[in-house]
C-alpha atoms as a PDB file:
ATOM      1  CA  MET A   1      62.298 168.178 112.664  1.00  0.00           C
ATOM      2  CA  GLY A   2      62.626 165.829 109.653  1.00  0.00           C
ATOM      3  CA  ARG A   3      59.982 165.490 107.020  1.00  0.00           C
ATOM      4  CA  MET A   4      57.105 163.107 107.537  1.00  0.00           C
ATOM      5  CA  ARG A   5      57.335 159.957 105.466  1.00  0.00           C
ATOM      6  CA  GLU A   6      54.523 157.813 104.194  1.00  0.00           C
ATOM      7  CA  ASN A   7      56.413 154.586 104.946  1.00  0.00           C
ATOM      8  CA  PRO A   8      58.958 155.312 107.701  1.00  0.00           C
ATOM      9  CA  ARG A   9      61.644 152.720 108.355  1.00  0.00           C
ATOM     10  CA  TYR A  10      62.791 152.511 111.963  1.00  0.00           C
ATOM     11  CA  ASN A  11      64.548 149.141 112.029  1.00  0.00           C
ATOM     12  CA  VAL A  12      68.278 148.884 111.397  1.00  0.00           C
ATOM     13  CA  ILE A  13      70.020 145.618 110.542  1.00  0.00           C
ATOM     14  CA  SER A  14      73.781 145.308 110.236  1.00  0.00           C
ATOM     15  CA  MET A  15      75.869 142.455 108.924  1.00  0.00           C
ATOM     16  CA  ARG A  16      79.502 141.584 108.451  1.00  0.00           C
ATOM     17  CA  ILE A  17      80.798 140.801 104.974  1.00  0.00           C
ATOM     18  CA  SER A  18      84.185 139.855 103.581  1.00  0.00           C
ATOM     19  CA  ASP A  19      86.350 142.158 101.484  1.00  0.00           C
ATOM     20  CA  GLU A  20      85.386 140.159  98.403  1.00  0.00           C
ATOM     21  CA  GLU A  21      81.672 140.459  99.177  1.00  0.00           C
ATOM     22  CA  ARG A  22      82.133 144.210  99.693  1.00  0.00           C
ATOM     23  CA  GLU A  23      83.805 144.508  96.267  1.00  0.00           C
ATOM     24  CA  VAL A  24      80.891 142.684  94.638  1.00  0.00           C
ATOM     25  CA  LEU A  25      78.414 144.909  96.461  1.00  0.00           C
ATOM     26  CA  GLU A  26      80.248 148.055  95.338  1.00  0.00           C
ATOM     27  CA  LYS A  27      80.202 146.839  91.723  1.00  0.00           C
ATOM     28  CA  ILE A  28      76.463 146.202  91.973  1.00  0.00           C
ATOM     29  CA  MET A  29      75.980 149.686  93.429  1.00  0.00           C
ATOM     30  CA  ASP A  30      78.013 151.253  90.600  1.00  0.00           C
ATOM     31  CA  GLU A  31      76.110 149.362  87.899  1.00  0.00           C
ATOM     32  CA  THR A  32      72.620 149.877  89.297  1.00  0.00           C
ATOM     33  CA  HIS A  33      73.043 153.296  90.956  1.00  0.00           C
ATOM     34  CA  LYS A  34      71.216 151.878  93.981  1.00  0.00           C
ATOM     35  CA  THR A  35      72.011 152.143  97.669  1.00  0.00           C
ATOM     36  CA  VAL A  36      73.059 149.171  99.770  1.00  0.00           C
ATOM     37  CA  SER A  37      69.644 149.317 101.446  1.00  0.00           C
ATOM     38  CA  ASP A  38      67.811 149.234  98.119  1.00  0.00           C
ATOM     39  CA  ILE A  39      69.925 146.295  96.924  1.00  0.00           C
ATOM     40  CA  MET A  40      69.292 144.348 100.129  1.00  0.00           C
ATOM     41  CA  ARG A  41      65.546 145.059  99.968  1.00  0.00           C
ATOM     42  CA  GLU A  42      65.488 143.794  96.389  1.00  0.00           C
ATOM     43  CA  ALA A  43      67.456 140.675  97.373  1.00  0.00           C
ATOM     44  CA  MET A  44      65.043 140.012 100.234  1.00  0.00           C
ATOM     45  CA  GLU A  45      62.083 140.321  97.844  1.00  0.00           C
ATOM     46  CA  ILE A  46      63.700 137.798  95.466  1.00  0.00           C
ATOM     47  CA  VAL A  47      64.240 135.285  98.277  1.00  0.00           C
ATOM     48  CA  LYS A  48      60.700 135.850  99.584  1.00  0.00           C
ATOM     49  CA  ASN A  49      59.234 135.195  96.134  1.00  0.00           C
ATOM     50  CA  ARG A  50      61.345 132.068  95.755  1.00  0.00           C
ATOM     51  CA  LEU A  51      60.126 130.768  99.113  1.00  0.00           C
ATOM     52  CA  GLN A  52      56.496 131.865  98.723  1.00  0.00           C
ATOM     53  CA  PRO A  53      55.088 128.370  97.994  1.00  0.00           C
ATOM     54  CA  ALA A  54      56.811 126.919 101.045  1.00  0.00           C
ATOM     55  CA  LEU A  55      55.703 129.854 103.217  1.00  0.00           C
ATOM     56  CA  GLU A  56      52.091 129.426 102.096  1.00  0.00           C
ATOM     57  CA  LYS A  57      52.152 125.689 102.901  1.00  0.00           C
ATOM     58  CA  ALA A  58      53.477 126.375 106.398  1.00  0.00           C
ATOM     59  CA  ALA A  59      50.672 128.849 107.156  1.00  0.00           C
END
């Protein structure tokens, strides 16, 4: 059995991207030495922070 994780991630999201978008993503991965998942998590955090004031108003 696999090791127990403190913060397990069970949800999988897939998306389609163009060849050009894939090239950009690969360059980002090469420069940052991060996985696609780590890059997407970071991007989601940036968008969340940008939208935070609007999200707080809606609540």
